[in-house]
PDB file of all heavy atoms in Angstrom:
ATOM      1  N   ALA A   1      99.507 112.086 113.848  1.00  0.00           N
ATOM      2  CA  ALA A   1      98.879 113.250 114.391  1.00  0.00           C
ATOM      3  C   ALA A   1      97.567 113.498 113.638  1.00  0.00           C
ATOM      4  O   ALA A   1      97.432 113.134 112.482  1.00  0.00           O
ATOM      5  CB  ALA A   1      99.789 114.469 114.180  1.00  0.00           C
ATOM      6  N   MET A   2      96.629 114.082 114.329  1.00  0.00           N
ATOM      7  CA  MET A   2      95.333 114.499 113.731  1.00  0.00           C
ATOM      8  C   MET A   2      95.123 115.946 114.050  1.00  0.00           C
ATOM      9  O   MET A   2      95.546 116.427 115.092  1.00  0.00           O
ATOM     10  CB  MET A   2      94.189 113.631 114.202  1.00  0.00           C
ATOM     11  CG  MET A   2      94.313 112.169 113.855  1.00  0.00           C
ATOM     12  SD  MET A   2      92.846 111.176 114.210  1.00  0.00           S
ATOM     13  CE  MET A   2      91.698 111.766 112.901  1.00  0.00           C
ATOM     14  N   GLY A   3      94.395 116.659 113.145  1.00  0.00           N
ATOM     15  CA  GLY A   3      94.163 118.045 113.400  1.00  0.00           C
ATOM     16  C   GLY A   3      92.988 118.611 112.617  1.00  0.00           C
ATOM     17  O   GLY A   3      92.323 117.866 111.842  1.00  0.00           O
ATOM     18  N   TRP A   4      92.738 119.869 112.855  1.00  0.00           N
ATOM     19  CA  TRP A   4      91.697 120.600 112.140  1.00  0.00           C
ATOM     20  C   TRP A   4      92.258 121.828 111.484  1.00  0.00           C
ATOM     21  O   TRP A   4      93.021 122.577 112.074  1.00  0.00           O
ATOM     22  CB  TRP A   4      90.608 121.001 113.177  1.00  0.00           C
ATOM     23  CG  TRP A   4      89.819 119.851 113.661  1.00  0.00           C
ATOM     24  CD1 TRP A   4      90.093 119.171 114.856  1.00  0.00           C
ATOM     25  CD2 TRP A   4      88.658 119.260 113.129  1.00  0.00           C
ATOM     26  NE1 TRP A   4      89.141 118.212 115.029  1.00  0.00           N
ATOM     27  CE2 TRP A   4      88.237 118.188 114.037  1.00  0.00           C
ATOM     28  CE3 TRP A   4      87.903 119.508 111.981  1.00  0.00           C
ATOM     29  CZ2 TRP A   4      87.151 117.449 113.740  1.00  0.00           C
ATOM     30  CZ3 TRP A   4      86.822 118.712 111.749  1.00  0.00           C
ATOM     31  CH2 TRP A   4      86.450 117.667 112.648  1.00  0.00           C
ATOM     32  N   TYR A   5      91.879 122.034 110.241  1.00  0.00           N
ATOM     33  CA  TYR A   5      92.186 123.226 109.427  1.00  0.00           C
ATOM     34  C   TYR A   5      90.882 123.904 109.099  1.00  0.00           C
ATOM     35  O   TYR A   5      89.797 123.256 109.147  1.00  0.00           O
ATOM     36  CB  TYR A   5      92.923 122.823 108.190  1.00  0.00           C
ATOM     37  CG  TYR A   5      94.361 122.363 108.351  1.00  0.00           C
ATOM     38  CD1 TYR A   5      94.626 121.100 108.951  1.00  0.00           C
ATOM     39  CD2 TYR A   5      95.454 123.130 107.968  1.00  0.00           C
ATOM     40  CE1 TYR A   5      95.925 120.663 109.152  1.00  0.00           C
ATOM     41  CE2 TYR A   5      96.754 122.715 108.125  1.00  0.00           C
ATOM     42  CZ  TYR A   5      96.993 121.462 108.744  1.00  0.00           C
ATOM     43  OH  TYR A   5      98.258 121.023 108.887  1.00  0.00           O
ATOM     44  N   ARG A   6      90.982 125.186 108.700  1.00  0.00           N
ATOM     45  CA  ARG A   6      89.778 125.843 108.263  1.00  0.00           C
ATOM     46  C   ARG A   6      90.100 126.782 107.107  1.00  0.00           C
ATOM     47  O   ARG A   6      91.262 127.250 106.994  1.00  0.00           O
ATOM     48  CB  ARG A   6      89.097 126.633 109.421  1.00  0.00           C
ATOM     49  CG  ARG A   6      89.899 127.831 109.915  1.00  0.00           C
ATOM     50  CD  ARG A   6      89.161 128.441 111.158  1.00  0.00           C
ATOM     51  NE  ARG A   6      89.824 129.591 111.687  1.00  0.00           N
ATOM     52  CZ  ARG A   6      89.546 130.217 112.807  1.00  0.00           C
ATOM     53  NH1 ARG A   6      88.558 129.734 113.562  1.00  0.00           N
ATOM     54  NH2 ARG A   6      90.198 131.298 113.217  1.00  0.00           N
ATOM     55  N   GLN A   7      89.109 127.078 106.325  1.00  0.00           N
ATOM     56  CA  GLN A   7      89.330 127.969 105.142  1.00  0.00           C
ATOM     57  C   GLN A   7      88.110 128.821 104.975  1.00  0.00           C
ATOM     58  O   GLN A   7      86.972 128.327 104.781  1.00  0.00           O
ATOM     59  CB  GLN A   7      89.547 127.137 103.871  1.00  0.00           C
ATOM     60  CG  GLN A   7      89.867 127.991 102.682  1.00  0.00           C
ATOM     61  CD  GLN A   7      90.347 127.167 101.501  1.00  0.00           C
ATOM     62  OE1 GLN A   7      90.110 125.949 101.400  1.00  0.00           O
ATOM     63  NE2 GLN A   7      91.073 127.778 100.624  1.00  0.00           N
ATOM     64  N   ALA A   8      88.265 130.114 105.194  1.00  0.00           N
ATOM     65  CA  ALA A   8      87.214 131.070 104.969  1.00  0.00           C
ATOM     66  C   ALA A   8      87.174 131.523 103.543  1.00  0.00           C
ATOM     67  O   ALA A   8      88.201 131.429 102.831  1.00  0.00           O
ATOM     68  CB  ALA A   8      87.432 132.292 105.903  1.00  0.00           C
ATOM     69  N   PRO A   9      86.069 132.066 103.053  1.00  0.00           N
ATOM     70  CA  PRO A   9      85.962 132.482 101.625  1.00  0.00           C
ATOM     71  C   PRO A   9      87.039 133.502 101.291  1.00  0.00           C
ATOM     72  O   PRO A   9      87.232 134.460 101.990  1.00  0.00           O
ATOM     73  CB  PRO A   9      84.579 133.136 101.543  1.00  0.00           C
ATOM     74  CG  PRO A   9      83.770 132.376 102.622  1.00  0.00           C
ATOM     75  CD  PRO A   9      84.769 132.205 103.696  1.00  0.00           C
ATOM     76  N   GLY A  10      87.727 133.241 100.205  1.00  0.00           N
ATOM     77  CA  GLY A  10      88.798 134.121  99.727  1.00  0.00           C
ATOM     78  C   GLY A  10      90.094 134.064 100.515  1.00  0.00           C
ATOM     79  O   GLY A  10      91.009 134.886 100.246  1.00  0.00           O
ATOM     80  N   LYS A  11      90.208 133.140 101.401  1.00  0.00           N
ATOM     81  CA  LYS A  11      91.406 132.984 102.186  1.00  0.00           C
ATOM     82  C   LYS A  11      92.041 131.595 102.077  1.00  0.00           C
ATOM     83  O   LYS A  11      91.369 130.683 101.632  1.00  0.00           O
ATOM     84  CB  LYS A  11      91.175 133.308 103.723  1.00  0.00           C
ATOM     85  CG  LYS A  11      90.714 134.770 103.955  1.00  0.00           C
ATOM     86  CD  LYS A  11      90.573 135.045 105.431  1.00  0.00           C
ATOM     87  CE  LYS A  11      90.217 136.466 105.664  1.00  0.00           C
ATOM     88  NZ  LYS A  11      90.107 136.786 107.143  1.00  0.00           N
ATOM     89  N   GLN A  12      93.268 131.496 102.515  1.00  0.00           N
ATOM     90  CA  GLN A  12      94.018 130.208 102.473  1.00  0.00           C
ATOM     91  C   GLN A  12      93.555 129.302 103.605  1.00  0.00           C
ATOM     92  O   GLN A  12      93.094 129.786 104.629  1.00  0.00           O
ATOM     93  CB  GLN A  12      95.528 130.457 102.519  1.00  0.00           C
ATOM     94  CG  GLN A  12      96.082 131.141 101.297  1.00  0.00           C
ATOM     95  CD  GLN A  12      97.537 131.239 101.344  1.00  0.00           C
ATOM     96  OE1 GLN A  12      98.138 131.520 102.400  1.00  0.00           O
ATOM     97  NE2 GLN A  12      98.222 131.063 100.204  1.00  0.00           N
ATOM     98  N   ARG A  13      93.753 127.989 103.421  1.00  0.00           N
ATOM     99  CA  ARG A  13      93.508 127.074 104.444  1.00  0.00           C
ATOM    100  C   ARG A  13      94.594 127.145 105.526  1.00  0.00           C
ATOM    101  O   ARG A  13      95.781 127.142 105.174  1.00  0.00           O
ATOM    102  CB  ARG A  13      93.411 125.643 103.864  1.00  0.00           C
ATOM    103  CG  ARG A  13      93.015 124.546 104.919  1.00  0.00           C
ATOM    104  CD  ARG A  13      92.904 123.206 104.221  1.00  0.00           C
ATOM    105  NE  ARG A  13      91.925 123.188 103.204  1.00  0.00           N
ATOM    106  CZ  ARG A  13      91.577 122.108 102.487  1.00  0.00           C
ATOM    107  NH1 ARG A  13      92.126 120.971 102.772  1.00  0.00           N
ATOM    108  NH2 ARG A  13      90.671 122.199 101.501  1.00  0.00           N
ATOM    109  N   VAL A  14      94.197 127.251 106.765  1.00  0.00           N
ATOM    110  CA  VAL A  14      95.159 127.394 107.849  1.00  0.00           C
ATOM    111  C   VAL A  14      94.887 126.389 108.940  1.00  0.00           C
ATOM    112  O   VAL A  14      93.758 125.943 109.143  1.00  0.00           O
ATOM    113  CB  VAL A  14      95.117 128.808 108.450  1.00  0.00           C
ATOM    114  CG1 VAL A  14      95.495 129.893 107.417  1.00  0.00           C
ATOM    115  CG2 VAL A  14      93.740 129.106 109.024  1.00  0.00           C
ATOM    116  N   LEU A  15      95.929 126.097 109.713  1.00  0.00           N
ATOM    117  CA  LEU A  15      95.864 125.205 110.845  1.00  0.00           C
ATOM    118  C   LEU A  15      95.100 125.824 111.975  1.00  0.00           C
ATOM    119  O   LEU A  15      95.372 126.939 112.404  1.00  0.00           O
ATOM    120  CB  LEU A  15      97.257 124.728 111.264  1.00  0.00           C
ATOM    121  CG  LEU A  15      97.310 123.870 112.489  1.00  0.00           C
ATOM    122  CD1 LEU A  15      96.678 122.509 112.275  1.00  0.00           C
ATOM    123  CD2 LEU A  15      98.716 123.736 113.093  1.00  0.00           C
ATOM    124  N   VAL A  16      94.152 125.079 112.536  1.00  0.00           N
ATOM    125  CA  VAL A  16      93.405 125.600 113.729  1.00  0.00           C
ATOM    126  C   VAL A  16      93.995 124.882 114.982  1.00  0.00           C
ATOM    127  O   VAL A  16      94.329 125.567 115.963  1.00  0.00           O
ATOM    128  CB  VAL A  16      91.928 125.221 113.641  1.00  0.00           C
ATOM    129  CG1 VAL A  16      91.233 125.616 114.970  1.00  0.00           C
ATOM    130  CG2 VAL A  16      91.281 125.939 112.432  1.00  0.00           C
ATOM    131  N   ALA A  17      94.119 123.557 114.967  1.00  0.00           N
ATOM    132  CA  ALA A  17      94.671 122.836 116.087  1.00  0.00           C
ATOM    133  C   ALA A  17      95.091 121.474 115.610  1.00  0.00           C
ATOM    134  O   ALA A  17      94.544 120.899 114.702  1.00  0.00           O
ATOM    135  CB  ALA A  17      93.626 122.754 117.223  1.00  0.00           C
ATOM    136  N   SER A  18      96.075 120.845 116.360  1.00  0.00           N
ATOM    137  CA  SER A  18      96.479 119.523 116.063  1.00  0.00           C
ATOM    138  C   SER A  18      96.901 118.837 117.341  1.00  0.00           C
ATOM    139  O   SER A  18      97.215 119.490 118.363  1.00  0.00           O
ATOM    140  CB  SER A  18      97.677 119.523 115.061  1.00  0.00           C
ATOM    141  OG  SER A  18      98.803 120.098 115.575  1.00  0.00           O
ATOM    142  N   VAL A  19      96.920 117.537 117.292  1.00  0.00           N
ATOM    143  CA  VAL A  19      97.313 116.719 118.457  1.00  0.00           C
ATOM    144  C   VAL A  19      98.074 115.467 117.930  1.00  0.00           C
ATOM    145  O   VAL A  19      97.603 114.805 116.998  1.00  0.00           O
ATOM    146  CB  VAL A  19      96.137 116.365 119.352  1.00  0.00           C
ATOM    147  CG1 VAL A  19      95.089 115.574 118.566  1.00  0.00           C
ATOM    148  CG2 VAL A  19      96.612 115.549 120.561  1.00  0.00           C
ATOM    149  N   THR A  20      99.156 115.147 118.568  1.00  0.00           N
ATOM    150  CA  THR A  20      99.962 113.980 118.188  1.00  0.00           C
ATOM    151  C   THR A  20      99.457 112.766 118.935  1.00  0.00           C
ATOM    152  O   THR A  20      98.661 112.868 119.902  1.00  0.00           O
ATOM    153  CB  THR A  20     101.450 114.173 118.443  1.00  0.00           C
ATOM    154  OG1 THR A  20     101.685 114.208 119.865  1.00  0.00           O
ATOM    155  CG2 THR A  20     101.939 115.462 117.825  1.00  0.00           C
ATOM    156  N   SER A  21      99.951 111.578 118.500  1.00  0.00           N
ATOM    157  CA  SER A  21      99.587 110.321 119.169  1.00  0.00           C
ATOM    158  C   SER A  21     100.072 110.347 120.621  1.00  0.00           C
ATOM    159  O   SER A  21      99.540 109.632 121.486  1.00  0.00           O
ATOM    160  CB  SER A  21     100.160 109.156 118.450  1.00  0.00           C
ATOM    161  OG  SER A  21     101.569 109.195 118.392  1.00  0.00           O
ATOM    162  N   GLY A  22     101.118 111.133 120.941  1.00  0.00           N
ATOM    163  CA  GLY A  22     101.616 111.265 122.290  1.00  0.00           C
ATOM    164  C   GLY A  22     100.879 112.321 123.135  1.00  0.00           C
ATOM    165  O   GLY A  22     101.247 112.456 124.277  1.00  0.00           O
ATOM    166  N   GLY A  23      99.953 113.026 122.565  1.00  0.00           N
ATOM    167  CA  GLY A  23      99.206 113.980 123.329  1.00  0.00           C
ATOM    168  C   GLY A  23      99.612 115.413 123.249  1.00  0.00           C
ATOM    169  O   GLY A  23      99.075 116.300 123.855  1.00  0.00           O
ATOM    170  N   THR A  24     100.683 115.709 122.431  1.00  0.00           N
ATOM    171  CA  THR A  24     101.145 117.073 122.286  1.00  0.00           C
ATOM    172  C   THR A  24     100.179 117.846 121.397  1.00  0.00           C
ATOM    173  O   THR A  24      99.832 117.427 120.322  1.00  0.00           O
ATOM    174  CB  THR A  24     102.520 117.087 121.608  1.00  0.00           C
ATOM    175  OG1 THR A  24     103.436 116.368 122.478  1.00  0.00           O
ATOM    176  CG2 THR A  24     103.029 118.511 121.498  1.00  0.00           C
ATOM    177  N   THR A  25      99.725 119.032 121.900  1.00  0.00           N
ATOM    178  CA  THR A  25      98.738 119.824 121.131  1.00  0.00           C
ATOM    179  C   THR A  25      99.416 121.125 120.646  1.00  0.00           C
ATOM    180  O   THR A  25     100.428 121.623 121.149  1.00  0.00           O
ATOM    181  CB  THR A  25      97.573 120.249 122.048  1.00  0.00           C
ATOM    182  OG1 THR A  25      98.044 120.938 123.190  1.00  0.00           O
ATOM    183  CG2 THR A  25      96.829 118.978 122.489  1.00  0.00           C
ATOM    184  N   ASN A  26      98.796 121.669 119.588  1.00  0.00           N
ATOM    185  CA  ASN A  26      99.224 122.913 118.924  1.00  0.00           C
ATOM    186  C   ASN A  26      98.037 123.675 118.486  1.00  0.00           C
ATOM    187  O   ASN A  26      97.091 123.090 117.897  1.00  0.00           O
ATOM    188  CB  ASN A  26     100.177 122.642 117.766  1.00  0.00           C
ATOM    189  CG  ASN A  26     100.739 123.852 117.130  1.00  0.00           C
ATOM    190  OD1 ASN A  26     101.099 124.785 117.824  1.00  0.00           O
ATOM    191  ND2 ASN A  26     100.818 123.872 115.793  1.00  0.00           N
ATOM    192  N   TYR A  27      97.960 124.987 118.810  1.00  0.00           N
ATOM    193  CA  TYR A  27      96.849 125.799 118.454  1.00  0.00           C
ATOM    194  C   TYR A  27      97.249 127.105 117.747  1.00  0.00           C
ATOM    195  O   TYR A  27      98.308 127.660 117.985  1.00  0.00           O
ATOM    196  CB  TYR A  27      96.050 126.212 119.679  1.00  0.00           C
ATOM    197  CG  TYR A  27      95.397 125.103 120.465  1.00  0.00           C
ATOM    198  CD1 TYR A  27      96.132 124.497 121.497  1.00  0.00           C
ATOM    199  CD2 TYR A  27      94.083 124.643 120.155  1.00  0.00           C
ATOM    200  CE1 TYR A  27      95.470 123.445 122.249  1.00  0.00           C
ATOM    201  CE2 TYR A  27      93.545 123.643 120.884  1.00  0.00           C
ATOM    202  CZ  TYR A  27      94.236 123.027 121.943  1.00  0.00           C
ATOM    203  OH  TYR A  27      93.663 122.009 122.628  1.00  0.00           O
ATOM    204  N   ALA A  28      96.383 127.505 116.827  1.00  0.00           N
ATOM    205  CA  ALA A  28      96.546 128.859 116.214  1.00  0.00           C
ATOM    206  C   ALA A  28      96.299 129.870 117.286  1.00  0.00           C
ATOM    207  O   ALA A  28      95.521 129.662 118.178  1.00  0.00           O
ATOM    208  CB  ALA A  28      95.604 129.023 115.076  1.00  0.00           C
ATOM    209  N   ASP A  29      97.079 131.003 117.236  1.00  0.00           N
ATOM    210  CA  ASP A  29      96.888 132.068 118.236  1.00  0.00           C
ATOM    211  C   ASP A  29      95.474 132.566 118.367  1.00  0.00           C
ATOM    212  O   ASP A  29      95.023 132.926 119.406  1.00  0.00           O
ATOM    213  CB  ASP A  29      97.827 133.213 117.942  1.00  0.00           C
ATOM    214  CG  ASP A  29      99.308 132.902 118.100  1.00  0.00           C
ATOM    215  OD1 ASP A  29      99.558 131.942 118.853  1.00  0.00           O
ATOM    216  OD2 ASP A  29     100.147 133.594 117.593  1.00  0.00           O
ATOM    217  N   SER A  30      94.769 132.597 117.262  1.00  0.00           N
ATOM    218  CA  SER A  30      93.412 133.149 117.200  1.00  0.00           C
ATOM    219  C   SER A  30      92.349 132.282 117.978  1.00  0.00           C
ATOM    220  O   SER A  30      91.298 132.799 118.250  1.00  0.00           O
ATOM    221  CB  SER A  30      92.966 133.302 115.772  1.00  0.00           C
ATOM    222  OG  SER A  30      92.937 132.050 115.070  1.00  0.00           O
ATOM    223  N   VAL A  31      92.706 131.031 118.294  1.00  0.00           N
ATOM    224  CA  VAL A  31      91.751 130.154 118.942  1.00  0.00           C
ATOM    225  C   VAL A  31      92.204 129.710 120.318  1.00  0.00           C
ATOM    226  O   VAL A  31      91.475 129.013 121.013  1.00  0.00           O
ATOM    227  CB  VAL A  31      91.433 128.921 118.103  1.00  0.00           C
ATOM    228  CG1 VAL A  31      90.935 129.376 116.693  1.00  0.00           C
ATOM    229  CG2 VAL A  31      92.593 127.984 117.964  1.00  0.00           C
ATOM    230  N   LYS A  32      93.438 130.079 120.748  1.00  0.00           N
ATOM    231  CA  LYS A  32      93.957 129.684 122.028  1.00  0.00           C
ATOM    232  C   LYS A  32      93.010 130.175 123.159  1.00  0.00           C
ATOM    233  O   LYS A  32      92.567 131.287 123.192  1.00  0.00           O
ATOM    234  CB  LYS A  32      95.326 130.227 122.266  1.00  0.00           C
ATOM    235  CG  LYS A  32      96.433 129.513 121.399  1.00  0.00           C
ATOM    236  CD  LYS A  32      97.757 130.113 121.710  1.00  0.00           C
ATOM    237  CE  LYS A  32      98.820 129.378 120.899  1.00  0.00           C
ATOM    238  NZ  LYS A  32     100.156 129.924 121.131  1.00  0.00           N
ATOM    239  N   GLY A  33      92.678 129.267 124.080  1.00  0.00           N
ATOM    240  CA  GLY A  33      91.836 129.573 125.220  1.00  0.00           C
ATOM    241  C   GLY A  33      90.371 129.403 124.884  1.00  0.00           C
ATOM    242  O   GLY A  33      89.542 129.405 125.813  1.00  0.00           O
ATOM    243  N   ARG A  34      90.051 129.216 123.610  1.00  0.00           N
ATOM    244  CA  ARG A  34      88.644 129.055 123.261  1.00  0.00           C
ATOM    245  C   ARG A  34      88.329 127.657 122.643  1.00  0.00           C
ATOM    246  O   ARG A  34      87.272 127.092 122.883  1.00  0.00           O
ATOM    247  CB  ARG A  34      88.218 130.090 122.167  1.00  0.00           C
ATOM    248  CG  ARG A  34      88.354 131.500 122.675  1.00  0.00           C
ATOM    249  CD  ARG A  34      87.712 132.489 121.689  1.00  0.00           C
ATOM    250  NE  ARG A  34      88.430 132.439 120.390  1.00  0.00           N
ATOM    251  CZ  ARG A  34      87.819 132.159 119.238  1.00  0.00           C
ATOM    252  NH1 ARG A  34      86.533 131.836 119.203  1.00  0.00           N
ATOM    253  NH2 ARG A  34      88.519 132.165 118.136  1.00  0.00           N
ATOM    254  N   PHE A  35      89.314 127.079 121.972  1.00  0.00           N
ATOM    255  CA  PHE A  35      89.153 125.782 121.331  1.00  0.00           C
ATOM    256  C   PHE A  35      89.953 124.738 122.054  1.00  0.00           C
ATOM    257  O   PHE A  35      91.091 125.063 122.572  1.00  0.00           O
ATOM    258  CB  PHE A  35      89.611 125.769 119.860  1.00  0.00           C
ATOM    259  CG  PHE A  35      88.712 126.563 118.941  1.00  0.00           C
ATOM    260  CD1 PHE A  35      87.704 127.434 119.417  1.00  0.00           C
ATOM    261  CD2 PHE A  35      88.867 126.513 117.554  1.00  0.00           C
ATOM    262  CE1 PHE A  35      86.849 128.131 118.629  1.00  0.00           C
ATOM    263  CE2 PHE A  35      88.071 127.280 116.701  1.00  0.00           C
ATOM    264  CZ  PHE A  35      87.062 128.074 117.217  1.00  0.00           C
ATOM    265  N   THR A  36      89.499 123.482 122.073  1.00  0.00           N
ATOM    266  CA  THR A  36      90.216 122.367 122.646  1.00  0.00           C
ATOM    267  C   THR A  36      90.204 121.179 121.744  1.00  0.00           C
ATOM    268  O   THR A  36      89.103 120.752 121.384  1.00  0.00           O
ATOM    269  CB  THR A  36      89.710 122.002 124.036  1.00  0.00           C
ATOM    270  OG1 THR A  36      89.716 123.158 124.896  1.00  0.00           O
ATOM    271  CG2 THR A  36      90.521 120.872 124.669  1.00  0.00           C
ATOM    272  N   ILE A  37      91.335 120.666 121.410  1.00  0.00           N
ATOM    273  CA  ILE A  37      91.391 119.457 120.556  1.00  0.00           C
ATOM    274  C   ILE A  37      91.728 118.269 121.417  1.00  0.00           C
ATOM    275  O   ILE A  37      92.468 118.379 122.393  1.00  0.00           O
ATOM    276  CB  ILE A  37      92.451 119.618 119.427  1.00  0.00           C
ATOM    277  CG1 ILE A  37      92.318 118.485 118.413  1.00  0.00           C
ATOM    278  CG2 ILE A  37      93.871 119.698 119.997  1.00  0.00           C
ATOM    279  CD1 ILE A  37      93.143 118.695 117.133  1.00  0.00           C
ATOM    280  N   SER A  38      91.199 117.130 121.098  1.00  0.00           N
ATOM    281  CA  SER A  38      91.416 115.911 121.895  1.00  0.00           C
ATOM    282  C   SER A  38      91.221 114.663 121.023  1.00  0.00           C
ATOM    283  O   SER A  38      90.514 114.720 120.046  1.00  0.00           O
ATOM    284  CB  SER A  38      90.481 115.855 123.129  1.00  0.00           C
ATOM    285  OG  SER A  38      89.125 115.793 122.686  1.00  0.00           O
ATOM    286  N   ARG A  39      91.906 113.581 121.424  1.00  0.00           N
ATOM    287  CA  ARG A  39      91.778 112.289 120.788  1.00  0.00           C
ATOM    288  C   ARG A  39      90.772 111.478 121.548  1.00  0.00           C
ATOM    289  O   ARG A  39      90.783 111.475 122.794  1.00  0.00           O
ATOM    290  CB  ARG A  39      93.098 111.591 120.650  1.00  0.00           C
ATOM    291  CG  ARG A  39      94.114 112.258 119.816  1.00  0.00           C
ATOM    292  CD  ARG A  39      93.828 112.157 118.361  1.00  0.00           C
ATOM    293  NE  ARG A  39      94.050 110.763 117.831  1.00  0.00           N
ATOM    294  CZ  ARG A  39      95.210 110.315 117.342  1.00  0.00           C
ATOM    295  NH1 ARG A  39      96.295 111.116 117.372  1.00  0.00           N
ATOM    296  NH2 ARG A  39      95.280 109.080 116.917  1.00  0.00           N
ATOM    297  N   GLY A  40      89.912 110.737 120.860  1.00  0.00           N
ATOM    298  CA  GLY A  40      89.040 109.855 121.525  1.00  0.00           C
ATOM    299  C   GLY A  40      89.693 108.602 121.993  1.00  0.00           C
ATOM    300  O   GLY A  40      90.820 108.323 121.752  1.00  0.00           O
ATOM    301  N   ASP A  41      88.881 107.772 122.741  1.00  0.00           N
ATOM    302  CA  ASP A  41      89.400 106.537 123.229  1.00  0.00           C
ATOM    303  C   ASP A  41      89.815 105.639 122.026  1.00  0.00           C
ATOM    304  O   ASP A  41      90.822 104.891 122.059  1.00  0.00           O
ATOM    305  CB  ASP A  41      88.365 105.786 124.063  1.00  0.00           C
ATOM    306  CG  ASP A  41      88.131 106.461 125.406  1.00  0.00           C
ATOM    307  OD1 ASP A  41      89.022 107.166 125.843  1.00  0.00           O
ATOM    308  OD2 ASP A  41      87.024 106.233 125.946  1.00  0.00           O
ATOM    309  N   ALA A  42      89.063 105.737 120.950  1.00  0.00           N
ATOM    310  CA  ALA A  42      89.422 105.097 119.730  1.00  0.00           C
ATOM    311  C   ALA A  42      90.579 105.879 119.068  1.00  0.00           C
ATOM    312  O   ALA A  42      90.491 107.091 118.987  1.00  0.00           O
ATOM    313  CB  ALA A  42      88.245 104.998 118.760  1.00  0.00           C
TER     314      ALA A  42
END
């Protein structure tokens, strides 16, 4: 799986989005509908 995390000043690092090799995606509630994660052809 590959994903993106983010960390704002003074806050903990949190998961933004992830995607497995099989194409299953997961998003933080705060970014649903706005962010899209995808795997490249590579």
